[in-house]
Protein backbone atom coordinates (compact mmCIF):
# COMPACT_ATOMS: atom_id res chain seq x y z
CA MET A 1 0.00 0.00 0.00
CA GLU A 2 2.89 2.31 0.81
CA GLU A 3 4.61 1.42 -2.51
CA ILE A 4 1.46 2.40 -4.48
CA THR A 5 1.15 5.67 -2.60
CA SER A 6 4.85 6.51 -3.20
CA GLY A 7 4.56 5.74 -6.95
CA THR A 8 1.46 7.87 -7.28
CA ALA A 9 3.21 10.82 -5.65
CA VAL A 10 6.18 10.52 -8.01
CA ALA A 11 3.90 10.35 -11.03
CA LEU A 12 1.94 13.32 -9.81
CA PHE A 13 5.17 15.25 -9.34
CA LEU A 14 6.32 14.41 -12.82
CA VAL A 15 2.99 15.52 -14.28
CA VAL A 16 3.14 18.84 -12.43
CA LEU A 17 6.75 19.28 -13.53
CA ALA A 18 5.78 18.62 -17.15
CA ILE A 19 2.96 21.14 -16.95
CA VAL A 20 5.27 23.80 -15.48
CA PHE A 21 7.93 22.94 -18.08
CA ALA A 22 5.41 23.25 -20.91
CA PHE A 23 4.01 26.50 -19.49
CA LYS A 24 7.46 28.06 -19.21
CA SER A 25 8.56 26.89 -22.64
CA VAL A 26 5.74 28.69 -24.43
CA ASN A 27 5.94 32.49 -24.71
CA VAL A 28 3.61 34.85 -26.60
CA ILE A 29 5.38 38.09 -27.52
CA PRO A 30 3.13 41.18 -28.01
CA GLN A 31 3.33 43.30 -31.15
CA GLN A 32 6.10 45.97 -31.25
CA THR A 33 7.95 44.14 -28.49
CA ALA A 34 11.21 42.17 -28.47
CA TRP A 35 12.54 39.83 -25.80
CA VAL A 36 16.23 39.05 -25.42
CA ILE A 37 16.93 35.42 -24.46
CA GLU A 38 20.06 34.29 -22.64
CA ARG A 39 21.04 30.62 -22.53
CA LEU A 40 23.14 29.75 -19.54
CA GLY A 41 24.03 33.39 -19.03
CA LYS A 42 25.00 34.07 -22.66
CA PHE A 43 23.04 35.86 -25.37
CA HIS A 44 21.09 33.34 -27.39
CA LYS A 45 18.48 35.06 -29.55
CA VAL A 46 15.79 37.73 -29.79
CA LEU A 47 12.18 36.64 -29.69
CA ASN A 48 9.96 38.44 -32.19
CA PRO A 49 6.21 39.11 -31.75
CA GLY A 50 4.09 35.95 -31.83
CA LEU A 51 4.35 32.43 -30.40
CA ASN A 52 7.88 31.40 -29.31
CA PHE A 53 9.40 28.40 -27.50
CA ILE A 54 12.31 28.34 -25.09
CA ILE A 55 13.91 25.74 -22.87
CA PRO A 56 12.85 26.36 -19.27
CA PHE A 57 15.55 26.67 -16.62
CA ILE A 58 18.18 26.89 -19.38
CA ASP A 59 16.91 29.85 -21.38
CA LYS A 60 16.01 33.03 -19.57
CA VAL A 61 14.24 36.21 -20.68
CA ALA A 62 16.97 38.73 -19.82
CA TYR A 63 15.53 41.94 -21.35
CA LYS A 64 12.22 43.14 -22.70
CA HIS A 65 12.23 46.08 -25.09
CA SER A 66 9.42 48.12 -26.60
CA LEU A 67 9.97 48.87 -30.28
CA LYS A 68 7.54 51.79 -30.25
CA GLU A 69 8.60 55.42 -30.50
CA ILE A 70 9.39 56.63 -26.99
CA PRO A 71 9.12 60.27 -25.84
CA LEU A 72 11.69 61.10 -23.17
CA ASP A 73 11.69 64.33 -21.17
CA THR A 74 15.13 65.83 -20.69
CA PRO A 75 15.45 67.66 -17.36
CA SER A 76 15.73 71.45 -17.35
CA GLN A 77 19.28 72.72 -17.23
CA VAL A 78 21.13 76.04 -17.31
CA CYS A 79 23.02 76.78 -20.52
CA ILE A 80 25.34 79.74 -21.15
CA THR A 81 25.20 81.45 -24.54
CA ARG A 82 28.12 82.89 -26.50
CA ASP A 83 27.38 86.35 -25.07
CA ASN A 84 27.45 84.96 -21.49
CA THR A 85 23.72 84.89 -20.86
CA GLN A 86 22.21 82.11 -18.79
CA LEU A 87 19.24 80.24 -20.22
CA SER A 88 17.07 77.60 -18.58
CA VAL A 89 16.37 75.00 -21.29
CA ASP A 90 14.43 71.76 -21.30
CA GLY A 91 13.15 69.61 -24.12
CA ILE A 92 11.74 66.30 -25.17
CA LEU A 93 13.56 63.58 -27.10
CA TYR A 94 11.86 61.02 -29.37
CA PHE A 95 13.71 57.78 -30.03
CA GLN A 96 13.10 54.13 -30.90
CA VAL A 97 14.88 50.85 -30.13
CA THR A 98 16.03 49.37 -33.45
CA ASP A 99 18.44 46.67 -32.22
CA PRO A 100 17.31 44.88 -29.02
CA LYS A 101 20.68 43.11 -28.63
CA LEU A 102 22.69 46.37 -28.65
CA ALA A 103 20.08 48.05 -26.45
CA SER A 104 20.65 45.25 -23.92
CA TYR A 105 24.43 44.97 -24.05
CA GLY A 106 25.68 48.19 -25.69
CA THR A 107 25.12 50.24 -22.54
CA SER A 108 23.99 49.57 -19.03
CA ASN A 109 21.02 51.94 -19.40
CA TYR A 110 20.32 53.48 -22.81
CA LEU A 111 17.67 55.81 -21.34
CA VAL A 112 20.20 57.47 -19.05
CA ALA A 113 22.83 57.51 -21.80
CA VAL A 114 20.53 59.20 -24.30
CA THR A 115 19.34 61.73 -21.72
CA GLN A 116 22.85 62.68 -20.63
CA LEU A 117 24.07 62.98 -24.20
CA ALA A 118 21.11 65.18 -25.12
CA GLN A 119 21.89 67.53 -22.21
CA THR A 120 25.61 67.81 -22.96
CA THR A 121 24.97 68.32 -26.68
CA LEU A 122 22.37 71.00 -25.92
CA ARG A 123 24.84 72.91 -23.74
CA SER A 124 27.46 72.72 -26.49
CA VAL A 125 25.10 73.96 -29.20
CA ILE A 126 23.69 76.79 -27.07
CA GLY A 127 27.22 77.88 -26.12
CA LYS A 128 28.00 78.59 -29.80
CA MET A 129 25.05 80.96 -30.25
CA ALA A 130 24.16 84.45 -29.09
CA LEU A 131 21.00 84.99 -27.06
CA ASP A 132 18.90 86.30 -29.96
CA GLU A 133 19.97 83.39 -32.17
CA THR A 134 18.71 80.81 -29.68
CA PHE A 135 15.17 82.16 -30.05
CA GLU A 136 15.35 82.49 -33.84
CA GLU A 137 17.10 79.22 -34.72
CA ARG A 138 15.38 76.51 -32.69
CA ASP A 139 15.15 74.24 -35.70
CA ILE A 140 18.92 74.40 -36.14
CA ILE A 141 19.44 73.56 -32.47
CA ASN A 142 17.04 70.62 -32.69
CA ASN A 143 18.68 69.25 -35.83
CA GLN A 144 22.21 69.53 -34.42
CA ILE A 145 21.21 67.70 -31.23
CA VAL A 146 19.53 64.90 -33.18
CA SER A 147 22.56 64.53 -35.45
CA ALA A 148 25.01 64.35 -32.53
CA ILE A 149 22.94 61.92 -30.43
CA ASP A 150 21.99 59.69 -33.36
CA GLU A 151 25.64 59.10 -34.27
CA ALA A 152 26.52 57.94 -30.74
CA ALA A 153 23.27 56.05 -30.17
CA LEU A 154 23.97 53.62 -33.03
CA ASN A 155 26.16 51.63 -30.63
CA TRP A 156 23.24 51.45 -28.20
CA GLY A 157 20.74 50.01 -30.67
CA VAL A 158 18.70 53.23 -30.50
CA LYS A 159 17.53 55.51 -33.33
CA VAL A 160 16.97 59.15 -32.34
CA LEU A 161 14.06 60.52 -34.39
CA ARG A 162 13.80 64.16 -33.28
CA TYR A 163 14.38 66.59 -30.45
CA GLU A 164 12.14 69.52 -29.54
CA ILE A 165 12.91 72.38 -27.16
CA LYS A 166 9.93 72.92 -24.87
CA ASP A 167 11.00 75.92 -22.84
CA LEU A 168 13.84 78.37 -23.30
CA THR A 169 13.76 80.87 -20.44
CA PRO A 170 16.31 83.64 -19.82
CA PRO A 171 16.66 85.35 -16.41
CA ALA A 172 14.01 87.86 -15.30
CA VAL A 173 16.36 90.82 -15.87
CA ILE A 174 16.95 89.74 -19.47
CA LEU A 175 13.22 89.25 -19.98
CA GLN A 176 12.54 92.79 -18.76
CA ALA A 177 15.24 94.21 -21.04
CA MET A 178 13.82 92.27 -23.99
CA GLN A 179 10.35 93.57 -23.19
CA ARG A 180 11.64 97.14 -23.11
CA GLN A 181 13.43 96.57 -26.40
CA ILE A 182 10.26 95.20 -28.00
CA THR A 183 8.25 98.16 -26.65
CA ALA A 184 10.81 100.64 -27.98
CA GLU A 185 10.84 98.93 -31.37
CA ARG A 186 7.07 99.06 -31.58
CA GLU A 187 7.04 102.74 -30.59
CA LYS A 188 9.69 103.39 -33.22
CA ARG A 189 7.60 101.67 -35.90
CA ALA A 190 4.55 103.65 -34.75
CA VAL A 191 6.43 106.97 -35.02
CA ILE A 192 7.77 106.01 -38.44
CA SER A 193 4.32 105.00 -39.61
CA GLU A 194 2.86 108.26 -38.31
CA SER A 195 5.55 110.35 -40.03
CA GLU A 196 5.07 108.39 -43.24
CA GLY A 197 1.35 109.12 -42.99
CA ARG A 198 1.98 112.85 -42.56
CA LYS A 199 4.45 112.79 -45.44
CA GLN A 200 1.96 111.07 -47.68
CA GLU A 201 -0.72 113.53 -46.57
CA GLN A 202 1.48 116.50 -47.54
CA ILE A 203 2.29 114.86 -50.86
CA ASN A 204 -1.39 114.29 -51.54
CA LEU A 205 -2.25 117.89 -50.63
CA ALA A 206 0.55 119.28 -52.81
CA THR A 207 -0.47 117.03 -55.68
CA GLY A 208 -4.09 118.06 -55.29
CA ALA A 209 -3.17 121.77 -55.20
CA ARG A 210 -0.96 121.39 -58.27
CA GLU A 211 -3.65 119.55 -60.19
CA ALA A 212 -6.23 122.15 -59.11
CA ALA A 213 -3.94 125.00 -60.26
CA ILE A 214 -3.32 123.25 -63.57
CA ALA A 215 -7.02 122.67 -64.05
CA LYS A 216 -7.76 126.32 -63.16
CA SER A 217 -5.11 127.62 -65.55
CA GLU A 218 -6.37 125.32 -68.28
CA GLY A 219 -9.88 126.64 -67.66
CA GLU A 220 -8.71 130.24 -67.76
CA LYS A 221 -6.71 129.53 -70.89
CA GLN A 222 -9.69 127.96 -72.60
CA SER A 223 -11.89 130.87 -71.43
CA GLU A 224 -9.50 133.43 -72.91
CA ILE A 225 -9.30 131.41 -76.12
CA ASN A 226 -13.08 131.31 -76.29
CA ILE A 227 -13.31 135.09 -75.62
CA ALA A 228 -10.66 135.84 -78.23
CA GLN A 229 -12.37 133.58 -80.75
CA GLY A 230 -15.70 135.30 -79.93
CA LYS A 231 -14.18 138.76 -80.41
CA ALA A 232 -12.55 137.67 -83.65
CA GLN A 233 -15.81 136.29 -84.95
CA ALA A 234 -17.62 139.47 -83.83
CA THR A 235 -15.04 141.66 -85.57
CA ILE A 236 -15.34 139.59 -88.74
CA ALA A 237 -19.14 139.83 -88.56
CA ILE A 238 -18.98 143.63 -88.06
CA ALA A 239 -16.50 143.99 -90.90
CA ASN A 240 -18.67 141.88 -93.17
CA ALA A 241 -21.73 143.93 -92.21
CA THR A 242 -19.86 147.16 -92.77
CA ALA A 243 -18.62 145.92 -96.11
CA GLU A 244 -22.11 144.92 -97.12
CA ALA A 245 -23.44 148.31 -95.96
CA ILE A 246 -20.80 150.16 -97.96
CA ALA A 247 -21.57 148.02 -100.97
CA LEU A 248 -25.25 148.78 -100.65
CA ILE A 249 -24.51 152.51 -100.25
CA ALA A 250 -22.27 152.46 -103.27
CA LYS A 251 -24.92 150.69 -105.27
CA ALA A 252 -27.55 153.14 -104.09
CA THR A 253 -25.48 156.12 -105.23
CA GLN A 254 -25.52 154.78 -108.76
CA GLN A 255 -29.26 154.97 -108.88
CA GLN A 256 -31.26 158.14 -109.69
CA GLY A 257 -31.39 160.49 -106.72
CA GLY A 258 -28.81 158.44 -104.85
CA ASP A 259 -26.34 161.32 -104.43
CA THR A 260 -29.00 163.51 -102.91
CA ALA A 261 -29.98 160.78 -100.45
CA VAL A 262 -26.36 160.25 -99.40
CA ASN A 263 -25.85 164.03 -98.95
CA LEU A 264 -28.89 164.13 -96.73
CA LYS A 265 -27.83 161.08 -94.69
CA VAL A 266 -24.28 162.35 -94.13
CA ALA A 267 -25.50 165.76 -93.11
CA GLU A 268 -27.97 164.20 -90.72
CA GLN A 269 -25.27 162.07 -89.06
CA TYR A 270 -22.94 165.08 -88.85
CA ILE A 271 -25.59 167.09 -87.03
CA ASN A 272 -26.47 164.15 -84.75
CA ALA A 273 -22.84 163.82 -83.77
CA PHE A 274 -22.68 167.44 -82.62
CA GLU A 275 -25.97 166.92 -80.79
CA LYS A 276 -24.52 164.00 -78.79
CA LEU A 277 -21.42 165.97 -77.94
CA ALA A 278 -23.58 168.80 -76.69
CA LYS A 279 -25.56 166.45 -74.43
CA THR A 280 -22.56 164.66 -72.93
CA ASN A 281 -20.49 167.76 -72.20
CA ASN A 282 -21.19 170.84 -70.17
CA THR A 283 -19.75 172.99 -72.96
CA LEU A 284 -21.75 173.57 -76.11
CA ILE A 285 -19.69 172.81 -79.21
CA ILE A 286 -20.50 174.86 -82.36
CA PRO A 287 -18.53 174.58 -85.58
CA ASN A 288 -16.39 177.62 -86.42
CA ASN A 289 -17.88 177.70 -89.85
CA LEU A 290 -21.35 176.38 -90.49
CA SER A 291 -20.26 175.88 -94.09
CA ASP A 292 -18.15 172.98 -92.80
CA VAL A 293 -21.25 170.82 -93.02
CA SER A 294 -21.59 171.26 -96.74
CA GLY A 295 -17.82 170.95 -97.16
CA MET A 296 -17.70 167.69 -95.23
CA VAL A 297 -20.67 166.35 -97.16
CA GLY A 298 -18.98 167.31 -100.38
CA SER A 299 -15.80 165.46 -99.36
CA VAL A 300 -17.78 162.34 -98.57
CA MET A 301 -19.59 162.51 -101.87
CA LYS A 302 -16.31 162.83 -103.76
CA ILE A 303 -15.08 159.59 -102.09
CA ILE A 304 -18.27 157.76 -103.00
CA GLN A 305 -18.15 159.01 -106.58
CA SER A 306 -14.54 157.97 -106.87
CA THR A 307 -15.47 154.47 -105.65
CA ASN A 308 -18.31 154.24 -108.15
CA ALA A 309 -16.00 155.28 -110.99
CA LYS A 310 -13.56 152.46 -110.13
CA ASN A 311 -16.40 149.92 -110.08
């Protein structure tokens, strides 16, 4: 009875041992994960995602690595610029494990190594720049840090993807000076804009006055031209009328009784002229010789007769 009980216990132990052995030999690796296996203390292989088998008690899972992109905060640190200004800088580093074997054996802790290298590289890059350049050229700083870290991280099985500066804070005194500088620059631009506005206003006023003067002079010029043309046309019309009147008078003198009519008309106009002079002046004007009327009429008639003879 004791022999049966002892055999049953051994069998039960073997069954339990087989179950534990089978359970430990089967490993399911999640996606984007890699396990490093050591056999008897020495690197054996890397288990990829999926179902994998190992030998229990001989093989051991030494390291587990995530193959996803990892964001890593770099602690804030004080950096000194080329112009001896202190800056408090912190950032965030994005990297990814590309070689699980090197990540396990290339360094004792690749997270600490990457962080320390990022900080030292940042101090070196900032030290080559002036204060104003650090604010203007963040992309250059980020790219230089990534390039420097990525070259060293190849031996650690890590690929550095990018680095971003989160905060870049100068001392309070520098911030106040920068604020005053910005305020002064804005006031300067405001004064320049105001003066440019006044300048443009004066230019516009001068241009408007010049154009108004030109328009006025052009109007006056055209008015004088129109007046002159009107006077010329009036003079021509009067001359034509006078010529036609003389022609009619000359023609009338050729008819019977024409000379007598002309004598009468000239004498009448002669007397009317003296009448007007008498009315417009306080002094009465009387010809020295009343025979001047007949003499003047005779002179006029001789001119008319001479004209008729030529025609």
